[in-house]
Amino acid sequence: MSVFEDRIDAGRQLGRRLSDLRGKDVVVLGIPRGGVPVAFEVAAALDAPLDVIVVRKLGLPYQPELAMGAIGEDGAKVLEKQVLAQARVGDKELAAVEDHERAVLEDRVARFRKGRARQDLTGRIAVIVDDGIATGSTARVACRIARKLGAARVILAVPVGPADTLASLSEPDEVVCLATPRVFSAVGYHYRDFSPTEDDEVIQLLDAAARRLKDSPPPAGSATAADAVEFDEEVEIPSRSVRLHGHLHLTVPARGVVLFAHGSGSSRHSPRSRLVAGLLQRAGLGTLLLDLLTPAEERNRANVFDIELLARRLSSAVAWLGGREDTAGSAIGCLGASTGAGAALWSASEPSARIAAVVSRGGRPDLAGPRLSAVRAPTLLIVGSLDYEVLELNRKAKAMMRCPNQLAVVQGAAHLFEEPGTLAAAAILARDWFIEYLLPATEPGRQEPRSAGGS
């Protein structure tokens, strides 16, 4: 018995079910080819960008239908170690299969994108859409690849699928399915019209989705391309006898700027800092990645824990931002990691402090000591659930604070947030906190902060 008229009908129904995602940082990813017409309607309903997630199964050399892994774009690869071990596949055999499948994948990517850049998934919600699932193998691979490409949250959305398969899926964070028939034979059985989707139709839908976003009128009060200028520059900031090096990214006019503070001297080159900075920049925030110590100073480990020194230099950077014409009126936030979090809170405790919000990521706010009670800036403490000692120190620091504050615990994360998806989850928490406290309530595209999910 058919449930949907066609893929368009299925996509529109699925879009209505997912309506609570509208206005959030979502990318809709259709699995070619049949999933793309469904995804097109979902993207339209959510006013979100549409892309494809192109994956290729790596089949065993002598049994291609059995997957020993999968590949995706930008070199993303997932290997099934248990299958490889049991099948005793050698490196050369694996490389030969991967080379063949990579060529097929790149050909499909070239056809489907026609030169369009892949949507960046870093720190965003990836909604993976197909026209239905049976065994779930393609969906599993797509979800794992999306997370490999940086998605903070992965939602699998399909019109129809068997309940037992849906219940067995562990790769997505959430599964949305409209129909789970008691008797399930094949996906096409549940559509009145299940005509094949051709490559040309996929390309046309992607082009149409891109035009839709391009032609959408900007929100009322938003800056136009004519009056907004975006730039990056390396900067030097004087602080007593030294000059601090930083990397400044601004969209002018800059309503809010987040200053990154790390206890070591490598903040502006840190891949983790750059990932978080990119997410804040997409939300309309400026960023200043700052080295609080010179290379020579960093060699003395004691300087990393000299919170008063770090705080003084952080205050110099805040004052420097206040002296620039393009940031003089900006709200300033501080994101501190490690001992930089203690320095950020120390600086924020000064009576004349211009810091409007603080986020500590895996930081040591306890190192600000008795100054914690003098902090007035709203503060979010983000700690990994596996970072037991630092988590306890953060709980004690929170108890000393009198400002609006919250402790958010990222499940499965250790001190450096190196586990898959954990850094992106922390970045989203930081972004939402800074949007709440640095950007005006009337800021175009401003999102309501999500629950930090902590204690």
Protein backbone atom coordinates (compact mmCIF):
# COMPACT_ATOMS: atom_id res chain seq x y z
CA MET A 1 0.00 0.00 0.00
CA SER A 2 1.47 3.36 -1.03
CA VAL A 3 2.02 6.03 1.61
CA PHE A 4 3.38 8.86 -0.59
CA GLU A 5 2.35 10.14 -4.00
CA ASP A 6 5.96 10.69 -5.06
CA ARG A 7 9.27 11.97 -3.73
CA ILE A 8 8.03 15.57 -3.79
CA ASP A 9 5.08 14.69 -1.56
CA ALA A 10 7.38 12.73 0.76
CA GLY A 11 9.84 15.64 0.97
CA ARG A 12 7.14 18.16 1.80
CA GLN A 13 5.74 15.96 4.56
CA LEU A 14 9.24 15.41 5.91
CA GLY A 15 9.93 19.16 5.79
CA ARG A 16 6.86 19.84 7.93
CA ARG A 17 8.01 17.24 10.47
CA LEU A 18 11.43 18.94 10.68
CA SER A 19 10.07 22.49 10.93
CA ASP A 20 11.62 23.05 14.38
CA LEU A 21 15.03 23.17 12.66
CA ARG A 22 14.11 26.24 10.65
CA GLY A 23 16.37 29.17 11.51
CA LYS A 24 19.14 26.95 12.88
CA ASP A 25 22.54 26.31 11.31
CA VAL A 26 21.40 23.42 9.12
CA VAL A 27 22.73 21.87 5.91
CA VAL A 28 20.42 19.41 4.13
CA LEU A 29 22.33 16.59 2.41
CA GLY A 30 20.58 14.42 -0.16
CA ILE A 31 21.93 10.96 -0.91
CA PRO A 32 22.11 10.69 -4.71
CA ARG A 33 20.15 10.01 -6.59
CA GLY A 34 16.68 9.27 -5.22
CA GLY A 35 17.25 11.12 -1.99
CA VAL A 36 17.89 14.48 -3.68
CA PRO A 37 14.27 15.28 -4.76
CA VAL A 38 13.15 14.56 -1.20
CA ALA A 39 16.00 16.64 0.23
CA PHE A 40 15.16 19.54 -2.11
CA GLU A 41 11.72 19.89 -0.52
CA VAL A 42 13.15 19.56 2.99
CA ALA A 43 15.72 22.29 2.29
CA ALA A 44 12.98 24.56 0.92
CA ALA A 45 10.85 24.02 4.03
CA LEU A 46 13.78 24.81 6.34
CA ASP A 47 15.15 27.65 4.17
CA ALA A 48 18.48 25.81 4.36
CA PRO A 49 21.25 25.10 1.84
CA LEU A 50 21.06 21.87 -0.11
CA ASP A 51 24.01 19.68 -0.98
CA VAL A 52 24.68 16.07 -1.78
CA ILE A 53 26.65 13.70 0.35
CA VAL A 54 28.48 11.48 -2.10
CA VAL A 55 29.78 8.26 -0.62
CA ARG A 56 31.17 5.07 -2.08
CA LYS A 57 31.28 1.69 -0.43
CA LEU A 58 34.63 -0.10 -0.34
CA GLY A 59 33.68 -3.70 -1.07
CA LEU A 60 35.87 -6.69 -0.36
CA PRO A 61 37.95 -7.57 -3.43
CA TYR A 62 36.38 -11.04 -3.71
CA GLN A 63 32.95 -10.10 -2.29
CA PRO A 64 32.14 -6.52 -3.40
CA GLU A 65 28.70 -6.46 -1.81
CA LEU A 66 30.27 -6.73 1.68
CA ALA A 67 31.65 -3.39 2.84
CA MET A 68 35.08 -3.18 4.40
CA GLY A 69 34.67 0.61 4.61
CA ALA A 70 33.52 3.68 2.74
CA ILE A 71 34.95 6.90 1.38
CA GLY A 72 33.66 10.44 1.00
CA GLU A 73 34.88 13.80 -0.19
CA ASP A 74 38.00 15.61 1.01
CA GLY A 75 39.70 12.28 1.66
CA ALA A 76 37.17 11.20 4.29
CA LYS A 77 37.39 7.46 4.90
CA VAL A 78 35.79 5.00 7.28
CA LEU A 79 37.22 1.49 7.62
CA GLU A 80 35.54 -1.53 9.17
CA LYS A 81 38.53 -2.87 11.09
CA GLN A 82 36.83 -6.08 12.12
CA VAL A 83 35.90 -6.95 8.52
CA LEU A 84 39.42 -6.12 7.33
CA ALA A 85 40.97 -8.33 10.00
CA GLN A 86 38.66 -11.27 9.37
CA ALA A 87 39.07 -11.04 5.58
CA ARG A 88 42.83 -10.52 5.86
CA VAL A 89 42.82 -7.77 3.27
CA GLY A 90 46.33 -6.43 2.63
CA ASP A 91 47.30 -2.80 2.21
CA LYS A 92 47.79 -3.16 -1.54
CA GLU A 93 44.38 -4.77 -2.03
CA LEU A 94 42.72 -2.08 0.05
CA ALA A 95 44.53 0.67 -1.86
CA ALA A 96 43.48 -0.79 -5.22
CA VAL A 97 39.81 -0.85 -4.24
CA GLU A 98 40.01 2.63 -2.77
CA ASP A 99 41.71 4.05 -5.88
CA HIS A 100 38.96 2.65 -8.11
CA GLU A 101 36.12 3.88 -5.90
CA ARG A 102 37.77 7.26 -5.40
CA ALA A 103 37.81 7.78 -9.17
CA VAL A 104 34.10 6.92 -9.39
CA LEU A 105 33.32 9.22 -6.45
CA GLU A 106 35.23 12.16 -7.90
CA ASP A 107 33.46 11.73 -11.23
CA ARG A 108 30.07 11.87 -9.53
CA VAL A 109 31.07 14.86 -7.43
CA ALA A 110 32.19 16.71 -10.56
CA ARG A 111 28.90 15.97 -12.29
CA PHE A 112 26.64 16.83 -9.38
CA ARG A 113 28.40 19.98 -8.20
CA LYS A 114 29.52 21.40 -11.54
CA GLY A 115 32.25 23.37 -9.78
CA ARG A 116 30.18 24.39 -6.73
CA ALA A 117 32.04 24.18 -3.45
CA ARG A 118 30.88 21.60 -0.94
CA GLN A 119 28.91 23.03 1.97
CA ASP A 120 31.15 23.26 5.04
CA LEU A 121 29.68 21.01 7.75
CA THR A 122 32.01 22.09 10.55
CA GLY A 123 30.01 22.69 13.69
CA ARG A 124 26.68 22.57 11.85
CA ILE A 125 23.60 20.34 11.91
CA ALA A 126 23.70 17.88 9.02
CA VAL A 127 20.28 16.58 7.97
CA ILE A 128 20.89 13.54 5.77
CA VAL A 129 17.92 12.70 3.57
CA ASP A 130 17.13 9.66 1.45
CA ASP A 131 13.87 8.51 -0.11
CA GLY A 132 13.78 5.61 2.33
CA ILE A 133 15.96 2.96 3.87
CA ALA A 134 15.84 -0.83 3.78
CA THR A 135 19.06 -2.30 5.21
CA GLY A 136 20.38 1.11 6.27
CA SER A 137 23.93 0.51 5.03
CA THR A 138 24.08 3.62 2.82
CA ALA A 139 22.58 5.77 5.55
CA ARG A 140 25.11 4.50 8.09
CA VAL A 141 28.00 5.38 5.82
CA ALA A 142 26.59 8.82 5.01
CA CYS A 143 26.14 9.65 8.70
CA ARG A 144 29.66 8.59 9.55
CA ILE A 145 31.11 10.60 6.67
CA ALA A 146 29.12 13.69 7.69
CA ARG A 147 30.55 13.47 11.18
CA LYS A 148 34.02 12.90 9.72
CA LEU A 149 33.55 16.16 7.79
CA GLY A 150 32.90 18.07 11.03
CA ALA A 151 29.12 17.99 11.58
CA ALA A 152 28.29 18.66 15.22
CA ARG A 153 24.92 16.94 15.02
CA VAL A 154 23.75 14.40 12.46
CA ILE A 155 20.06 13.79 11.80
CA LEU A 156 18.92 11.05 9.44
CA ALA A 157 15.55 11.93 7.91
CA VAL A 158 13.67 9.49 5.68
CA PRO A 159 10.03 9.12 4.66
CA VAL A 160 9.84 5.37 5.23
CA GLY A 161 11.82 2.50 6.68
CA PRO A 162 11.49 -0.72 8.71
CA ALA A 163 11.25 -0.16 12.46
CA ASP A 164 13.89 -2.77 13.35
CA THR A 165 16.48 -1.20 11.02
CA LEU A 166 15.76 2.29 12.37
CA ALA A 167 16.15 1.06 15.94
CA SER A 168 19.56 -0.46 15.13
CA LEU A 169 21.08 2.78 13.78
CA SER A 170 23.72 4.20 16.11
CA GLU A 171 25.50 6.54 13.69
CA PRO A 172 23.00 9.45 13.63
CA ASP A 173 22.22 11.50 16.74
CA GLU A 174 18.55 11.43 15.78
CA VAL A 175 16.40 9.54 13.29
CA VAL A 176 13.22 11.06 11.86
CA CYS A 177 10.98 8.70 9.88
CA LEU A 178 7.40 9.37 8.83
CA ALA A 179 6.24 5.80 8.28
CA THR A 180 7.36 2.44 9.66
CA PRO A 181 5.04 -0.08 8.01
CA ARG A 182 4.50 -3.33 9.86
CA VAL A 183 5.15 -5.18 6.62
CA PHE A 184 8.14 -3.75 4.74
CA SER A 185 9.31 -5.20 1.46
CA ALA A 186 11.02 -2.39 -0.46
CA VAL A 187 11.16 1.42 -0.38
CA GLY A 188 9.46 1.83 -3.75
CA TYR A 189 6.44 -0.19 -2.60
CA HIS A 190 5.39 2.76 -0.43
CA TYR A 191 5.30 5.31 -3.26
CA ARG A 192 2.58 5.64 -5.89
CA ASP A 193 5.21 7.07 -8.28
CA PHE A 194 8.77 5.83 -7.73
CA SER A 195 10.24 6.73 -11.11
CA PRO A 196 14.05 6.65 -11.28
CA THR A 197 15.92 9.91 -10.61
CA GLU A 198 18.49 10.75 -13.28
CA ASP A 199 21.77 12.61 -12.88
CA ASP A 200 20.43 15.61 -14.79
CA GLU A 201 17.53 15.95 -12.36
CA VAL A 202 19.95 15.94 -9.41
CA ILE A 203 21.96 18.73 -11.02
CA GLN A 204 18.85 20.78 -11.80
CA LEU A 205 17.59 20.50 -8.23
CA LEU A 206 20.95 21.55 -6.78
CA ASP A 207 21.04 24.55 -9.14
CA ALA A 208 17.48 25.50 -8.23
CA ALA A 209 18.22 25.27 -4.49
CA ALA A 210 21.30 27.48 -4.89
CA ARG A 211 19.27 30.08 -6.83
CA ARG A 212 16.56 30.04 -4.18
CA LEU A 213 19.02 30.95 -1.42
CA LYS A 214 20.79 33.52 -3.57
CA ASP A 215 17.54 35.24 -4.55
CA SER A 216 16.06 35.23 -1.04
CA PRO A 217 15.66 38.80 0.22
CA PRO A 218 17.91 39.63 3.20
CA PRO A 219 16.21 39.99 6.58
CA ALA A 220 15.02 43.44 7.44
CA GLY A 221 17.82 45.55 8.87
CA SER A 222 20.61 43.27 7.70
CA ALA A 223 23.82 44.70 6.27
CA THR A 224 24.09 44.53 2.49
CA ALA A 225 27.18 43.62 0.57
CA ALA A 226 27.67 47.30 -0.13
CA ASP A 227 27.98 48.33 3.51
CA ALA A 228 29.64 45.22 4.99
CA VAL A 229 33.34 44.50 4.51
CA GLU A 230 35.02 41.27 5.61
CA PHE A 231 38.75 40.99 6.12
CA ASP A 232 41.53 39.06 7.89
CA GLU A 233 44.82 40.51 9.06
CA GLU A 234 47.79 39.68 11.21
CA VAL A 235 48.09 42.27 13.98
CA GLU A 236 50.53 43.31 16.70
CA ILE A 237 49.23 44.57 20.03
CA PRO A 238 51.46 46.49 22.46
CA SER A 239 51.42 45.37 26.08
CA ARG A 240 54.06 47.10 28.17
CA SER A 241 57.47 45.93 26.92
CA VAL A 242 56.26 43.28 24.43
CA ARG A 243 54.18 43.15 21.28
CA LEU A 244 51.60 40.39 21.14
CA HIS A 245 50.82 38.69 17.83
CA GLY A 246 47.26 37.97 16.77
CA HIS A 247 44.99 37.18 13.85
CA LEU A 248 41.94 39.44 13.47
CA HIS A 249 38.86 38.58 11.41
CA LEU A 250 36.14 41.20 11.10
CA THR A 251 32.99 41.89 9.21
CA VAL A 252 32.64 45.67 9.39
CA PRO A 253 30.55 47.01 11.02
CA ALA A 254 31.53 44.60 13.80
CA ARG A 255 28.79 44.27 16.43
CA GLY A 256 30.66 41.74 18.53
CA VAL A 257 34.24 40.45 18.69
CA VAL A 258 35.44 37.34 20.54
CA LEU A 259 39.01 37.36 21.83
CA PHE A 260 40.61 33.91 22.11
CA ALA A 261 42.88 33.48 25.13
CA HIS A 262 45.10 30.44 25.64
CA GLY A 263 47.72 30.07 28.32
CA SER A 264 50.35 28.94 25.83
CA GLY A 265 51.72 31.04 22.99
CA SER A 266 50.08 29.13 20.13
CA SER A 267 46.50 30.30 20.19
CA ARG A 268 46.41 31.97 16.80
CA HIS A 269 47.79 28.89 15.04
CA SER A 270 45.79 26.27 16.93
CA PRO A 271 43.58 24.14 14.62
CA ARG A 272 41.03 23.84 17.42
CA SER A 273 40.90 27.59 17.90
CA ARG A 274 40.53 28.13 14.17
CA LEU A 275 37.68 25.65 13.95
CA VAL A 276 35.77 27.40 16.73
CA ALA A 277 36.60 30.81 15.24
CA GLY A 278 35.14 29.77 11.89
CA LEU A 279 31.84 28.86 13.53
CA LEU A 280 31.67 32.21 15.34
CA GLN A 281 32.50 34.06 12.14
CA ARG A 282 29.60 32.41 10.31
CA ALA A 283 27.34 33.69 13.09
CA GLY A 284 28.44 37.27 12.35
CA LEU A 285 31.00 37.64 15.14
CA GLY A 286 34.51 38.99 14.72
CA THR A 287 37.39 36.99 16.19
CA LEU A 288 40.84 37.86 17.49
CA LEU A 289 43.10 34.83 17.99
CA LEU A 290 45.84 36.07 20.29
CA ASP A 291 49.17 34.74 21.54
CA LEU A 292 49.42 35.92 25.15
CA LEU A 293 53.07 34.83 25.43
CA THR A 294 56.03 35.33 23.15
CA PRO A 295 57.83 32.18 21.94
CA ALA A 296 60.69 32.86 24.37
CA GLU A 297 58.30 33.32 27.31
CA GLU A 298 56.42 30.14 26.49
CA ARG A 299 59.56 28.08 27.04
CA ASN A 300 59.34 28.96 30.73
CA ARG A 301 56.44 26.83 31.95
CA ALA A 302 55.86 29.13 34.91
CA ASN A 303 54.63 31.87 32.55
CA VAL A 304 51.76 29.65 31.39
CA PHE A 305 50.43 29.70 34.96
CA ASP A 306 51.13 33.39 35.63
CA ILE A 307 47.44 34.33 35.55
CA GLU A 308 48.05 37.96 36.50
CA LEU A 309 50.49 38.38 33.58
CA LEU A 310 48.11 36.70 31.12
CA ALA A 311 45.17 38.77 32.36
CA ARG A 312 47.12 42.02 32.01
CA ARG A 313 47.94 41.20 28.41
CA LEU A 314 44.38 40.21 27.71
CA SER A 315 43.23 43.57 29.07
CA SER A 316 45.73 45.27 26.74
CA ALA A 317 44.11 43.49 23.80
CA VAL A 318 40.63 44.54 24.91
CA ALA A 319 41.82 48.13 25.18
CA TRP A 320 43.43 47.86 21.74
CA LEU A 321 40.11 46.76 20.24
CA GLY A 322 38.43 49.69 21.96
CA GLY A 323 40.91 52.05 20.33
CA ARG A 324 40.25 50.89 16.76
CA GLU A 325 37.67 52.77 14.76
CA ASP A 326 36.11 49.57 13.40
CA THR A 327 35.77 47.83 16.81
CA ALA A 328 35.40 50.76 19.24
CA GLY A 329 31.67 50.14 19.53
CA SER A 330 31.83 46.35 19.49
CA ALA A 331 30.74 44.17 22.38
CA ILE A 332 33.77 42.13 23.49
CA GLY A 333 33.70 38.50 24.53
CA CYS A 334 36.53 36.25 25.71
CA LEU A 335 36.92 32.55 25.01
CA GLY A 336 39.56 31.03 27.24
CA ALA A 337 41.12 27.58 27.11
CA SER A 338 43.40 26.03 29.70
CA THR A 339 44.92 28.73 31.92
CA GLY A 340 43.61 31.36 29.48
CA ALA A 341 40.18 30.85 31.01
CA GLY A 342 41.48 31.93 34.41
CA ALA A 343 43.11 34.96 32.76
CA ALA A 344 39.87 35.88 30.98
CA LEU A 345 37.91 35.82 34.23
CA TRP A 346 40.65 37.73 36.09
CA SER A 347 40.52 40.42 33.39
CA ALA A 348 36.71 40.45 33.45
CA SER A 349 36.76 41.06 37.21
CA GLU A 350 38.44 44.47 36.83
CA PRO A 351 36.06 47.36 37.66
CA SER A 352 36.63 48.99 34.26
CA ALA A 353 36.48 45.75 32.25
CA ARG A 354 34.76 45.95 28.85
CA ILE A 355 34.28 42.19 28.61
CA ALA A 356 30.58 41.45 28.05
CA ALA A 357 30.68 37.63 28.05
CA VAL A 358 33.13 34.82 28.84
CA VAL A 359 33.31 31.21 27.72
CA SER A 360 35.77 28.72 29.21
CA ARG A 361 36.45 25.61 27.10
CA GLY A 362 38.26 22.91 29.04
CA GLY A 363 39.65 25.78 31.09
CA ARG A 364 40.86 26.49 34.59
CA PRO A 365 38.54 29.21 35.90
CA ASP A 366 39.57 28.24 39.42
CA LEU A 367 42.93 29.93 38.77
CA ALA A 368 41.19 33.31 38.97
CA GLY A 369 40.75 32.52 42.68
CA PRO A 370 38.88 35.07 44.81
CA ARG A 371 38.41 37.32 41.80
CA LEU A 372 35.67 35.00 40.54
CA SER A 373 33.09 36.61 42.79
CA ALA A 374 33.81 40.01 41.22
CA VAL A 375 33.12 38.88 37.63
CA ARG A 376 29.97 40.46 36.20
CA ALA A 377 30.14 39.15 32.63
CA PRO A 378 27.82 36.18 31.93
CA THR A 379 30.05 33.10 31.92
CA LEU A 380 29.69 29.66 30.35
CA LEU A 381 31.98 26.87 31.56
CA ILE A 382 32.33 24.01 29.05
CA VAL A 383 34.02 20.80 30.23
CA GLY A 384 34.27 17.28 28.85
CA SER A 385 32.54 14.56 30.85
CA LEU A 386 35.77 12.51 30.84
CA ASP A 387 37.91 15.40 32.11
CA TYR A 388 37.15 14.43 35.69
CA GLU A 389 39.63 16.59 37.61
CA VAL A 390 38.99 19.75 35.57
CA LEU A 391 35.24 19.15 35.78
CA GLU A 392 35.41 19.16 39.56
CA LEU A 393 37.54 22.34 39.54
CA ASN A 394 34.96 24.00 37.30
CA ARG A 395 32.14 23.03 39.64
CA LYS A 396 33.97 24.63 42.54
CA ALA A 397 34.69 27.76 40.50
CA LYS A 398 31.02 28.00 39.48
CA ALA A 399 29.99 27.96 43.12
CA MET A 400 32.13 31.06 43.74
CA MET A 401 30.64 33.09 40.87
CA ARG A 402 27.89 35.70 41.29
CA CYS A 403 27.37 36.55 37.61
CA PRO A 404 24.91 34.74 35.34
CA ASN A 405 26.69 31.46 34.72
CA GLN A 406 26.23 27.92 33.51
CA LEU A 407 28.26 24.71 33.43
CA ALA A 408 27.87 22.67 30.23
CA VAL A 409 29.23 19.11 30.16
CA VAL A 410 30.02 17.67 26.72
CA GLN A 411 29.45 13.94 26.91
CA GLY A 412 32.30 11.70 25.80
CA ALA A 413 34.86 14.50 25.68
CA ALA A 414 38.25 14.47 27.40
CA HIS A 415 40.39 17.52 28.15
CA LEU A 416 41.34 18.45 24.56
CA PHE A 417 37.95 17.64 22.95
CA GLU A 418 39.65 15.41 20.40
CA GLU A 419 36.88 12.80 20.33
CA PRO A 420 34.66 12.86 17.18
CA GLY A 421 32.05 15.61 17.33
CA THR A 422 32.98 16.88 20.79
CA LEU A 423 34.88 20.00 19.77
CA ALA A 424 32.10 20.98 17.37
CA ALA A 425 29.55 20.48 20.16
CA ALA A 426 31.57 22.76 22.44
CA ALA A 427 31.89 25.31 19.64
CA ILE A 428 28.12 25.44 19.16
CA LEU A 429 27.62 26.03 22.87
CA ALA A 430 30.15 28.88 22.77
CA ARG A 431 28.60 30.38 19.65
CA ASP A 432 25.12 30.42 21.13
CA TRP A 433 26.38 31.99 24.37
CA PHE A 434 28.15 34.79 22.53
CA ILE A 435 25.16 35.39 20.23
CA GLU A 436 22.98 35.76 23.32
CA TYR A 437 25.23 38.23 25.13
CA LEU A 438 27.19 40.05 22.41
CA LEU A 439 24.71 40.58 19.58
CA PRO A 440 21.67 42.84 19.96
CA ALA A 441 18.30 41.14 20.32
CA THR A 442 17.33 42.54 16.92
CA GLU A 443 20.40 41.07 15.19
CA PRO A 444 19.30 39.56 11.84
CA GLY A 445 19.45 35.79 11.84
CA ARG A 446 20.07 35.75 15.58
CA GLN A 447 19.27 32.35 17.04
CA GLU A 448 17.84 31.64 20.43
CA PRO A 449 20.48 29.89 22.51
CA ARG A 450 20.02 26.18 22.91
CA SER A 451 20.21 24.52 26.26
CA ALA A 452 23.79 23.91 27.29
CA GLY A 453 22.75 20.58 28.66
CA GLY A 454 24.95 20.90 31.73
CA SER A 455 24.58 21.25 35.45
